Amino acid sequence: MVISARAVPGAATPELLIRQAGRGDEQAFTEFCDLVAAPVLGLVTRVIRDHAESELVTRDVLLELWEQAPLFDEQHQPVLAWAMTIAHRRAVDRVRTACADRDGQTELRWCFDEVVQTTVDRIEDDMVRRSLTELTDSQRRSLILAYYGGYSTREVSEILDKPVGTIETRLRDGLLRLCESIGDQS
């Protein structure tokens, strides 16, 4: 399953935009940033918890995405997952740097913590992906747009051309089924 950010009918996909950006197309990269900046900022803010600092890290993430665009391989992972992985790493690095002490032990502990966190993140990602396949198509599409695409309930309603109440029900039911499925996998 490919999860893409803010896919709007008739608009260039994030995958196409990042491929074009990888060939040096600055306009394509600007459009790509318009699609991913809000979800990236949201993730970074959840990790750092300081909006001003989160904006700086988001800027760094977008710069790294521009620099890494020629290397992006959509066969390896979806473009939004790639962008969010970079964002998460940058945010965690910023928190670790801010909290570092000077005794040398912190660096070793953080290295271990990073390996543990990466492993836990991969396990959780796999569990969520497996659980998403158990949802109805309408629940899955609604959840992907809302949680991976960064859309509000109203925006999901407009994209899927369904009433807001229907989308709220799909999101609630989908999240309940996800929780049950993930609980069964643990």
N, C-alpha and C. Protein backbone atom coordinates (compact mmCIF):
# COMPACT_ATOMS: atom_id res chain seq x y z
N MET A 1 0.85 -1.16 0.00
CA MET A 1 0.00 0.00 0.00
C MET A 1 0.90 1.23 0.00
N VAL A 2 0.61 2.19 -0.88
CA VAL A 2 1.38 3.41 -0.96
C VAL A 2 0.59 4.52 -0.27
N ILE A 3 1.24 5.18 0.65
CA ILE A 3 0.62 6.29 1.36
C ILE A 3 1.23 7.56 0.81
N SER A 4 0.40 8.45 0.27
CA SER A 4 0.94 9.68 -0.27
C SER A 4 0.28 10.87 0.41
N ALA A 5 1.00 11.97 0.41
CA ALA A 5 0.52 13.18 1.08
C ALA A 5 -0.38 13.97 0.15
N ARG A 6 -1.51 14.38 0.66
CA ARG A 6 -2.41 15.32 0.00
C ARG A 6 -2.58 15.06 -1.49
N ALA A 7 -2.95 13.85 -1.83
CA ALA A 7 -3.20 13.52 -3.22
C ALA A 7 -4.53 14.13 -3.63
N VAL A 8 -4.47 15.10 -4.55
CA VAL A 8 -5.66 15.77 -5.03
C VAL A 8 -5.84 15.39 -6.49
N PRO A 9 -7.06 14.96 -6.88
CA PRO A 9 -7.27 14.56 -8.26
C PRO A 9 -6.80 15.64 -9.22
N GLY A 10 -6.01 15.23 -10.24
CA GLY A 10 -5.52 16.15 -11.25
C GLY A 10 -4.21 16.83 -10.88
N ALA A 11 -3.81 16.77 -9.62
CA ALA A 11 -2.57 17.41 -9.19
C ALA A 11 -1.42 16.41 -9.31
N ALA A 12 -0.21 16.96 -9.42
CA ALA A 12 0.97 16.10 -9.47
C ALA A 12 1.11 15.37 -8.14
N THR A 13 1.50 14.12 -8.20
CA THR A 13 1.68 13.34 -6.98
C THR A 13 2.99 13.72 -6.30
N PRO A 14 3.09 13.50 -5.00
CA PRO A 14 4.35 13.77 -4.31
C PRO A 14 5.51 12.98 -4.92
N GLU A 15 5.23 11.76 -5.36
CA GLU A 15 6.28 10.93 -5.96
C GLU A 15 6.81 11.57 -7.24
N LEU A 16 5.90 12.06 -8.08
CA LEU A 16 6.32 12.72 -9.32
C LEU A 16 7.09 14.00 -9.01
N LEU A 17 6.60 14.78 -8.06
CA LEU A 17 7.25 16.03 -7.70
C LEU A 17 8.66 15.80 -7.17
N ILE A 18 8.86 14.78 -6.33
CA ILE A 18 10.20 14.57 -5.77
C ILE A 18 11.14 14.04 -6.85
N ARG A 19 10.62 13.25 -7.80
CA ARG A 19 11.47 12.82 -8.92
C ARG A 19 11.92 14.03 -9.74
N GLN A 20 10.99 14.95 -10.00
CA GLN A 20 11.33 16.16 -10.75
C GLN A 20 12.31 17.02 -9.95
N ALA A 21 12.09 17.13 -8.66
CA ALA A 21 13.00 17.90 -7.81
C ALA A 21 14.38 17.27 -7.81
N GLY A 22 14.42 15.95 -7.86
CA GLY A 22 15.70 15.24 -7.91
C GLY A 22 16.49 15.55 -9.17
N ARG A 23 15.78 16.01 -10.20
CA ARG A 23 16.45 16.42 -11.44
C ARG A 23 16.72 17.93 -11.45
N GLY A 24 16.49 18.58 -10.29
CA GLY A 24 16.81 20.00 -10.16
C GLY A 24 15.65 20.95 -10.38
N ASP A 25 14.43 20.45 -10.50
CA ASP A 25 13.27 21.29 -10.75
C ASP A 25 12.83 21.96 -9.44
N GLU A 26 13.19 23.23 -9.29
CA GLU A 26 12.88 23.96 -8.06
C GLU A 26 11.38 24.18 -7.87
N GLN A 27 10.65 24.41 -8.96
CA GLN A 27 9.20 24.61 -8.87
C GLN A 27 8.52 23.34 -8.35
N ALA A 28 8.96 22.19 -8.86
CA ALA A 28 8.40 20.92 -8.39
C ALA A 28 8.68 20.74 -6.90
N PHE A 29 9.88 21.14 -6.48
CA PHE A 29 10.21 20.99 -5.07
C PHE A 29 9.36 21.94 -4.22
N THR A 30 9.10 23.13 -4.72
CA THR A 30 8.22 24.06 -4.00
C THR A 30 6.84 23.45 -3.82
N GLU A 31 6.31 22.84 -4.87
CA GLU A 31 5.00 22.18 -4.79
C GLU A 31 5.06 21.00 -3.82
N PHE A 32 6.16 20.25 -3.86
CA PHE A 32 6.34 19.13 -2.94
C PHE A 32 6.33 19.64 -1.49
N CYS A 33 7.04 20.74 -1.24
CA CYS A 33 7.08 21.31 0.12
C CYS A 33 5.69 21.74 0.57
N ASP A 34 4.90 22.28 -0.36
CA ASP A 34 3.53 22.67 -0.02
C ASP A 34 2.73 21.46 0.48
N LEU A 35 3.06 20.28 -0.04
CA LEU A 35 2.33 19.07 0.35
C LEU A 35 2.81 18.50 1.67
N VAL A 36 4.11 18.55 1.93
CA VAL A 36 4.66 17.85 3.09
C VAL A 36 5.02 18.73 4.27
N ALA A 37 5.09 20.03 4.08
CA ALA A 37 5.57 20.91 5.16
C ALA A 37 4.69 20.81 6.41
N ALA A 38 3.38 20.82 6.25
CA ALA A 38 2.50 20.77 7.43
C ALA A 38 2.62 19.45 8.20
N PRO A 39 2.57 18.28 7.51
CA PRO A 39 2.75 17.04 8.27
C PRO A 39 4.13 16.95 8.93
N VAL A 40 5.17 17.44 8.24
CA VAL A 40 6.52 17.41 8.81
C VAL A 40 6.57 18.30 10.05
N LEU A 41 6.05 19.52 9.95
CA LEU A 41 6.04 20.42 11.10
C LEU A 41 5.25 19.83 12.26
N GLY A 42 4.13 19.18 11.97
CA GLY A 42 3.33 18.56 13.01
C GLY A 42 4.10 17.47 13.75
N LEU A 43 4.79 16.62 13.00
CA LEU A 43 5.58 15.55 13.62
C LEU A 43 6.72 16.13 14.44
N VAL A 44 7.44 17.07 13.87
CA VAL A 44 8.57 17.67 14.57
C VAL A 44 8.11 18.36 15.85
N THR A 45 6.99 19.06 15.79
CA THR A 45 6.47 19.76 16.97
C THR A 45 6.07 18.76 18.06
N ARG A 46 5.52 17.61 17.67
CA ARG A 46 5.16 16.60 18.67
C ARG A 46 6.40 16.08 19.38
N VAL A 47 7.53 16.01 18.70
CA VAL A 47 8.76 15.51 19.31
C VAL A 47 9.44 16.60 20.14
N ILE A 48 9.57 17.79 19.56
CA ILE A 48 10.34 18.86 20.20
C ILE A 48 9.52 19.65 21.20
N ARG A 49 8.24 19.86 20.92
CA ARG A 49 7.31 20.57 21.80
C ARG A 49 7.60 22.06 21.92
N ASP A 50 8.40 22.60 21.05
CA ASP A 50 8.66 24.04 21.01
C ASP A 50 8.47 24.47 19.57
N HIS A 51 7.44 25.32 19.33
CA HIS A 51 7.07 25.64 17.96
C HIS A 51 8.18 26.36 17.19
N ALA A 52 8.83 27.33 17.81
CA ALA A 52 9.89 28.06 17.12
C ALA A 52 11.04 27.14 16.74
N GLU A 53 11.44 26.29 17.66
CA GLU A 53 12.51 25.33 17.38
C GLU A 53 12.05 24.32 16.32
N SER A 54 10.79 23.95 16.37
CA SER A 54 10.24 23.00 15.38
C SER A 54 10.27 23.58 13.98
N GLU A 55 10.02 24.87 13.87
CA GLU A 55 10.09 25.52 12.55
C GLU A 55 11.50 25.47 11.99
N LEU A 56 12.50 25.67 12.86
CA LEU A 56 13.90 25.60 12.41
C LEU A 56 14.25 24.19 11.95
N VAL A 57 13.82 23.19 12.71
CA VAL A 57 14.11 21.81 12.34
C VAL A 57 13.37 21.45 11.05
N THR A 58 12.14 21.93 10.89
CA THR A 58 11.39 21.67 9.67
C THR A 58 12.12 22.25 8.47
N ARG A 59 12.65 23.44 8.62
CA ARG A 59 13.45 24.05 7.54
C ARG A 59 14.63 23.15 7.19
N ASP A 60 15.31 22.63 8.22
CA ASP A 60 16.44 21.73 7.98
C ASP A 60 16.00 20.45 7.28
N VAL A 61 14.84 19.94 7.67
CA VAL A 61 14.30 18.73 7.04
C VAL A 61 14.03 18.98 5.56
N LEU A 62 13.40 20.11 5.26
CA LEU A 62 13.09 20.42 3.86
C LEU A 62 14.37 20.58 3.05
N LEU A 63 15.38 21.18 3.64
CA LEU A 63 16.67 21.30 2.95
C LEU A 63 17.27 19.92 2.69
N GLU A 64 17.20 19.04 3.68
CA GLU A 64 17.72 17.68 3.49
C GLU A 64 16.93 16.93 2.42
N LEU A 65 15.61 17.14 2.38
CA LEU A 65 14.80 16.50 1.34
C LEU A 65 15.24 16.97 -0.04
N TRP A 66 15.53 18.26 -0.18
CA TRP A 66 16.01 18.80 -1.46
C TRP A 66 17.34 18.15 -1.83
N GLU A 67 18.24 18.08 -0.85
CA GLU A 67 19.56 17.50 -1.11
C GLU A 67 19.49 16.01 -1.43
N GLN A 68 18.55 15.31 -0.79
CA GLN A 68 18.43 13.86 -0.96
C GLN A 68 17.48 13.46 -2.10
N ALA A 69 16.78 14.42 -2.68
CA ALA A 69 15.79 14.12 -3.72
C ALA A 69 16.35 13.26 -4.86
N PRO A 70 17.58 13.52 -5.33
CA PRO A 70 18.09 12.67 -6.42
C PRO A 70 18.27 11.20 -6.01
N LEU A 71 18.37 10.96 -4.71
CA LEU A 71 18.60 9.59 -4.21
C LEU A 71 17.32 8.87 -3.84
N PHE A 72 16.18 9.58 -3.84
CA PHE A 72 14.93 8.97 -3.41
C PHE A 72 14.56 7.79 -4.30
N ASP A 73 14.18 6.69 -3.65
CA ASP A 73 13.79 5.47 -4.36
C ASP A 73 12.40 5.08 -3.90
N GLU A 74 11.41 5.34 -4.74
CA GLU A 74 10.02 5.06 -4.35
C GLU A 74 9.74 3.57 -4.22
N GLN A 75 10.61 2.74 -4.76
CA GLN A 75 10.44 1.30 -4.60
C GLN A 75 10.79 0.88 -3.18
N HIS A 76 11.64 1.67 -2.53
CA HIS A 76 12.08 1.34 -1.17
C HIS A 76 11.03 1.73 -0.13
N GLN A 77 10.44 2.93 -0.28
CA GLN A 77 9.40 3.35 0.66
C GLN A 77 8.62 4.52 0.04
N PRO A 78 7.39 4.71 0.47
CA PRO A 78 6.58 5.83 -0.04
C PRO A 78 7.22 7.17 0.33
N VAL A 79 6.99 8.17 -0.50
CA VAL A 79 7.64 9.46 -0.33
C VAL A 79 7.29 10.12 1.00
N LEU A 80 6.04 10.03 1.44
CA LEU A 80 5.68 10.65 2.71
C LEU A 80 6.38 9.94 3.87
N ALA A 81 6.45 8.63 3.82
CA ALA A 81 7.14 7.88 4.87
C ALA A 81 8.62 8.28 4.91
N TRP A 82 9.22 8.44 3.75
CA TRP A 82 10.62 8.86 3.65
C TRP A 82 10.80 10.23 4.28
N ALA A 83 9.94 11.18 3.93
CA ALA A 83 10.03 12.53 4.47
C ALA A 83 9.82 12.53 5.98
N MET A 84 8.84 11.76 6.45
CA MET A 84 8.55 11.73 7.88
C MET A 84 9.67 11.03 8.66
N THR A 85 10.32 10.06 8.06
CA THR A 85 11.45 9.39 8.72
C THR A 85 12.58 10.39 8.92
N ILE A 86 12.88 11.16 7.90
CA ILE A 86 13.92 12.19 8.01
C ILE A 86 13.52 13.22 9.08
N ALA A 87 12.27 13.62 9.07
CA ALA A 87 11.78 14.60 10.04
C ALA A 87 11.92 14.07 11.47
N HIS A 88 11.52 12.83 11.67
CA HIS A 88 11.59 12.23 13.01
C HIS A 88 13.05 12.17 13.48
N ARG A 89 13.93 11.73 12.60
CA ARG A 89 15.35 11.63 12.98
C ARG A 89 15.91 13.00 13.35
N ARG A 90 15.61 14.00 12.53
CA ARG A 90 16.10 15.36 12.81
C ARG A 90 15.56 15.87 14.14
N ALA A 91 14.29 15.65 14.41
CA ALA A 91 13.67 16.13 15.65
C ALA A 91 14.29 15.44 16.87
N VAL A 92 14.45 14.13 16.78
CA VAL A 92 15.05 13.38 17.89
C VAL A 92 16.49 13.84 18.11
N ASP A 93 17.23 14.05 17.02
CA ASP A 93 18.60 14.55 17.15
C ASP A 93 18.63 15.90 17.85
N ARG A 94 17.68 16.77 17.53
CA ARG A 94 17.65 18.10 18.15
C ARG A 94 17.37 17.99 19.64
N VAL A 95 16.44 17.11 20.03
CA VAL A 95 16.14 16.91 21.45
C VAL A 95 17.36 16.35 22.17
N ARG A 96 18.01 15.39 21.56
CA ARG A 96 19.19 14.79 22.19
C ARG A 96 20.30 15.80 22.36
N THR A 97 20.51 16.63 21.36
CA THR A 97 21.54 17.65 21.45
C THR A 97 21.22 18.62 22.58
N ALA A 98 19.97 19.02 22.69
CA ALA A 98 19.57 19.97 23.73
C ALA A 98 19.72 19.38 25.12
N CYS A 99 19.57 18.09 25.25
CA CYS A 99 19.60 17.45 26.57
C CYS A 99 20.95 16.83 26.90
N ALA A 100 21.90 16.94 26.01
CA ALA A 100 23.19 16.25 26.21
C ALA A 100 23.91 16.77 27.45
N ASP A 101 24.47 15.83 28.19
CA ASP A 101 25.34 16.27 29.28
C ASP A 101 26.78 16.00 28.85
N ARG A 102 27.72 16.43 29.60
CA ARG A 102 29.11 16.43 29.17
C ARG A 102 29.93 15.25 29.72
N ASP A 103 29.31 14.27 30.32
CA ASP A 103 30.10 13.21 30.94
C ASP A 103 30.43 12.05 30.00
N GLY A 104 29.97 12.10 28.77
CA GLY A 104 30.31 11.05 27.81
C GLY A 104 29.39 9.84 27.88
N GLN A 105 28.75 9.62 29.01
CA GLN A 105 27.86 8.47 29.15
C GLN A 105 26.57 8.68 28.38
N THR A 106 26.14 9.93 28.30
CA THR A 106 24.88 10.23 27.62
C THR A 106 24.94 9.80 26.16
N GLU A 107 26.06 10.08 25.50
CA GLU A 107 26.18 9.74 24.09
C GLU A 107 26.03 8.23 23.88
N LEU A 108 26.66 7.43 24.70
CA LEU A 108 26.55 5.98 24.58
C LEU A 108 25.12 5.53 24.84
N ARG A 109 24.49 6.07 25.89
CA ARG A 109 23.12 5.71 26.21
C ARG A 109 22.19 6.08 25.06
N TRP A 110 22.39 7.25 24.46
CA TRP A 110 21.54 7.69 23.36
C TRP A 110 21.72 6.82 22.13
N CYS A 111 22.95 6.38 21.90
CA CYS A 111 23.19 5.49 20.78
C CYS A 111 22.36 4.22 20.96
N PHE A 112 22.40 3.65 22.16
CA PHE A 112 21.59 2.47 22.45
C PHE A 112 20.11 2.78 22.33
N ASP A 113 19.70 3.92 22.89
CA ASP A 113 18.29 4.32 22.82
C ASP A 113 17.84 4.48 21.38
N GLU A 114 18.70 4.99 20.53
CA GLU A 114 18.33 5.20 19.13
C GLU A 114 18.09 3.85 18.44
N VAL A 115 18.94 2.88 18.71
CA VAL A 115 18.75 1.54 18.13
C VAL A 115 17.45 0.94 18.62
N VAL A 116 17.19 1.04 19.90
CA VAL A 116 15.95 0.52 20.47
C VAL A 116 14.75 1.24 19.86
N GLN A 117 14.81 2.57 19.78
CA GLN A 117 13.70 3.34 19.24
C GLN A 117 13.45 2.99 17.78
N THR A 118 14.51 2.86 16.99
CA THR A 118 14.37 2.50 15.59
C THR A 118 13.70 1.14 15.45
N THR A 119 14.11 0.19 16.27
CA THR A 119 13.52 -1.15 16.23
C THR A 119 12.05 -1.10 16.61
N VAL A 120 11.74 -0.39 17.67
CA VAL A 120 10.34 -0.27 18.11
C VAL A 120 9.51 0.41 17.03
N ASP A 121 10.05 1.48 16.43
CA ASP A 121 9.32 2.18 15.37
C ASP A 121 9.02 1.25 14.20
N ARG A 122 9.98 0.45 13.80
CA ARG A 122 9.76 -0.47 12.67
C ARG A 122 8.71 -1.52 13.01
N ILE A 123 8.75 -2.04 14.21
CA ILE A 123 7.76 -3.03 14.63
C ILE A 123 6.37 -2.39 14.63
N GLU A 124 6.28 -1.18 15.20
CA GLU A 124 4.99 -0.49 15.23
C GLU A 124 4.50 -0.18 13.82
N ASP A 125 5.40 0.27 12.94
CA ASP A 125 5.01 0.56 11.55
C ASP A 125 4.46 -0.69 10.87
N ASP A 126 5.15 -1.82 11.06
CA ASP A 126 4.69 -3.08 10.46
C ASP A 126 3.32 -3.47 11.01
N MET A 127 3.13 -3.31 12.31
CA MET A 127 1.84 -3.66 12.91
C MET A 127 0.73 -2.78 12.35
N VAL A 128 0.99 -1.48 12.21
CA VAL A 128 -0.03 -0.57 11.68
C VAL A 128 -0.33 -0.92 10.23
N ARG A 129 0.70 -1.17 9.42
CA ARG A 129 0.48 -1.52 8.01
C ARG A 129 -0.37 -2.79 7.88
N ARG A 130 -0.05 -3.80 8.68
CA ARG A 130 -0.84 -5.04 8.64
C ARG A 130 -2.27 -4.77 9.08
N SER A 131 -2.43 -3.96 10.11
CA SER A 131 -3.76 -3.66 10.63
C SER A 131 -4.57 -2.84 9.63
N LEU A 132 -3.93 -1.96 8.89
CA LEU A 132 -4.64 -1.17 7.89
C LEU A 132 -5.28 -2.04 6.83
N THR A 133 -4.67 -3.17 6.52
CA THR A 133 -5.23 -4.06 5.50
C THR A 133 -6.52 -4.72 5.96
N GLU A 134 -6.76 -4.72 7.28
CA GLU A 134 -7.96 -5.33 7.82
C GLU A 134 -9.16 -4.38 7.85
N LEU A 135 -8.93 -3.11 7.53
CA LEU A 135 -10.01 -2.13 7.54
C LEU A 135 -10.77 -2.18 6.21
N THR A 136 -11.95 -1.61 6.22
CA THR A 136 -12.66 -1.46 4.95
C THR A 136 -11.91 -0.41 4.14
N ASP A 137 -12.12 -0.43 2.83
CA ASP A 137 -11.44 0.52 1.96
C ASP A 137 -11.76 1.95 2.37
N SER A 138 -13.03 2.22 2.69
CA SER A 138 -13.42 3.59 3.06
C SER A 138 -12.77 4.03 4.38
N GLN A 139 -12.67 3.12 5.34
CA GLN A 139 -12.01 3.45 6.60
C GLN A 139 -10.52 3.71 6.37
N ARG A 140 -9.90 2.83 5.59
CA ARG A 140 -8.46 2.95 5.31
C ARG A 140 -8.16 4.28 4.60
N ARG A 141 -8.93 4.61 3.57
CA ARG A 141 -8.71 5.85 2.82
C ARG A 141 -8.89 7.06 3.74
N SER A 142 -9.92 7.04 4.57
CA SER A 142 -10.17 8.16 5.49
C SER A 142 -9.02 8.33 6.48
N LEU A 143 -8.57 7.22 7.08
CA LEU A 143 -7.47 7.28 8.04
C LEU A 143 -6.17 7.74 7.40
N ILE A 144 -5.87 7.24 6.21
CA ILE A 144 -4.63 7.62 5.53
C ILE A 144 -4.63 9.11 5.22
N LEU A 145 -5.75 9.61 4.72
CA LEU A 145 -5.83 11.04 4.42
C LEU A 145 -5.68 11.88 5.69
N ALA A 146 -6.35 11.46 6.76
CA ALA A 146 -6.34 12.25 8.00
C ALA A 146 -5.01 12.17 8.73
N TYR A 147 -4.47 10.97 8.89
CA TYR A 147 -3.30 10.81 9.73
C TYR A 147 -1.98 10.83 8.99
N TYR A 148 -1.94 10.33 7.77
CA TYR A 148 -0.70 10.38 7.00
C TYR A 148 -0.68 11.60 6.08
N GLY A 149 -1.84 12.00 5.61
CA GLY A 149 -1.90 13.15 4.71
C GLY A 149 -2.01 14.47 5.44
N GLY A 150 -2.40 14.46 6.70
CA GLY A 150 -2.49 15.67 7.48
C GLY A 150 -3.75 16.48 7.24
N TYR A 151 -4.75 15.87 6.62
CA TYR A 151 -5.99 16.58 6.34
C TYR A 151 -6.89 16.63 7.57
N SER A 152 -7.67 17.69 7.66
CA SER A 152 -8.68 17.79 8.70
C SER A 152 -9.87 16.91 8.29
N THR A 153 -10.77 16.67 9.23
CA THR A 153 -11.96 15.87 8.92
C THR A 153 -12.77 16.52 7.81
N ARG A 154 -12.89 17.84 7.86
CA ARG A 154 -13.63 18.56 6.83
C ARG A 154 -12.97 18.38 5.46
N GLU A 155 -11.63 18.45 5.41
CA GLU A 155 -10.92 18.29 4.14
C GLU A 155 -11.08 16.86 3.60
N VAL A 156 -11.01 15.87 4.49
CA VAL A 156 -11.22 14.48 4.07
C VAL A 156 -12.63 14.33 3.50
N SER A 157 -13.58 14.97 4.15
CA SER A 157 -14.97 14.95 3.69
C SER A 157 -15.07 15.50 2.27
N GLU A 158 -14.40 16.59 2.01
CA GLU A 158 -14.44 17.20 0.68
C GLU A 158 -13.74 16.33 -0.36
N ILE A 159 -12.59 15.78 -0.02
CA ILE A 159 -11.83 14.95 -0.96
C ILE A 159 -12.61 13.71 -1.34
N LEU A 160 -13.22 13.06 -0.34
CA LEU A 160 -13.95 11.81 -0.58
C LEU A 160 -15.41 12.06 -0.95
N ASP A 161 -15.80 13.32 -0.94
CA ASP A 161 -17.17 13.71 -1.29
C ASP A 161 -18.20 12.96 -0.43
N LYS A 162 -17.96 12.97 0.87
CA LYS A 162 -18.85 12.35 1.85
C LYS A 162 -19.13 13.35 2.96
N PRO A 163 -20.26 13.23 3.64
CA PRO A 163 -20.56 14.14 4.76
C PRO A 163 -19.54 14.01 5.89
N VAL A 164 -19.32 15.12 6.60
CA VAL A 164 -18.36 15.14 7.70
C VAL A 164 -18.71 14.06 8.72
N GLY A 165 -19.98 13.88 9.03
CA GLY A 165 -20.39 12.86 10.00
C GLY A 165 -19.98 11.46 9.56
N THR A 166 -20.10 11.19 8.28
CA THR A 166 -19.69 9.88 7.74
C THR A 166 -18.19 9.68 7.94
N ILE A 167 -17.42 10.72 7.64
CA ILE A 167 -15.97 10.64 7.80
C ILE A 167 -15.60 10.45 9.27
N GLU A 168 -16.27 11.18 10.16
CA GLU A 168 -16.00 11.02 11.59
C GLU A 168 -16.28 9.60 12.04
N THR A 169 -17.35 9.01 11.54
CA THR A 169 -17.69 7.63 11.90
C THR A 169 -16.64 6.67 11.36
N ARG A 170 -16.23 6.87 10.10
CA ARG A 170 -15.19 6.00 9.52
C ARG A 170 -13.89 6.10 10.31
N LEU A 171 -13.52 7.30 10.68
CA LEU A 171 -12.28 7.48 11.45
C LEU A 171 -12.38 6.80 12.81
N ARG A 172 -13.50 7.02 13.51
CA ARG A 172 -13.68 6.41 14.83
C ARG A 172 -13.67 4.89 14.73
N ASP A 173 -14.48 4.34 13.81
CA ASP A 173 -14.56 2.89 13.66
C ASP A 173 -13.22 2.30 13.20
N GLY A 174 -12.57 3.01 12.28
CA GLY A 174 -11.28 2.54 11.78
C GLY A 174 -10.24 2.52 12.87
N LEU A 175 -10.21 3.57 13.71
CA LEU A 175 -9.25 3.60 14.81
C LEU A 175 -9.53 2.50 15.83
N LEU A 176 -10.81 2.26 16.10
CA LEU A 176 -11.15 1.17 17.03
C LEU A 176 -10.68 -0.18 16.48
N ARG A 177 -10.92 -0.41 15.20
CA ARG A 177 -10.48 -1.67 14.59
C ARG A 177 -8.97 -1.77 14.56
N LEU A 178 -8.28 -0.66 14.31
CA LEU A 178 -6.82 -0.66 14.33
C LEU A 178 -6.31 -1.04 15.72
N CYS A 179 -6.90 -0.41 16.75
CA CYS A 179 -6.47 -0.70 18.13
C CYS A 179 -6.68 -2.17 18.47
N GLU A 180 -7.82 -2.71 18.07
CA GLU A 180 -8.09 -4.13 18.33
C GLU A 180 -7.08 -5.00 17.60
N SER A 181 -6.84 -4.69 16.34
CA SER A 181 -5.93 -5.50 15.54
C SER A 181 -4.51 -5.43 16.07
N ILE A 182 -4.07 -4.23 16.42
CA ILE A 182 -2.71 -4.07 16.96
C ILE A 182 -2.60 -4.79 18.31
N GLY A 183 -3.65 -4.70 19.11
CA GLY A 183 -3.66 -5.41 20.39
C GLY A 183 -3.55 -6.90 20.21
N ASP A 184 -4.18 -7.44 19.15
CA ASP A 184 -4.11 -8.87 18.86
C ASP A 184 -2.72 -9.28 18.40
N GLN A 185 -1.98 -8.35 17.77
CA GLN A 185 -0.65 -8.66 17.25
C GLN A 185 0.41 -8.59 18.34
N SER A 186 0.12 -7.86 19.43
CA SER A 186 1.15 -7.66 20.48
C SER A 186 1.41 -8.91 21.26
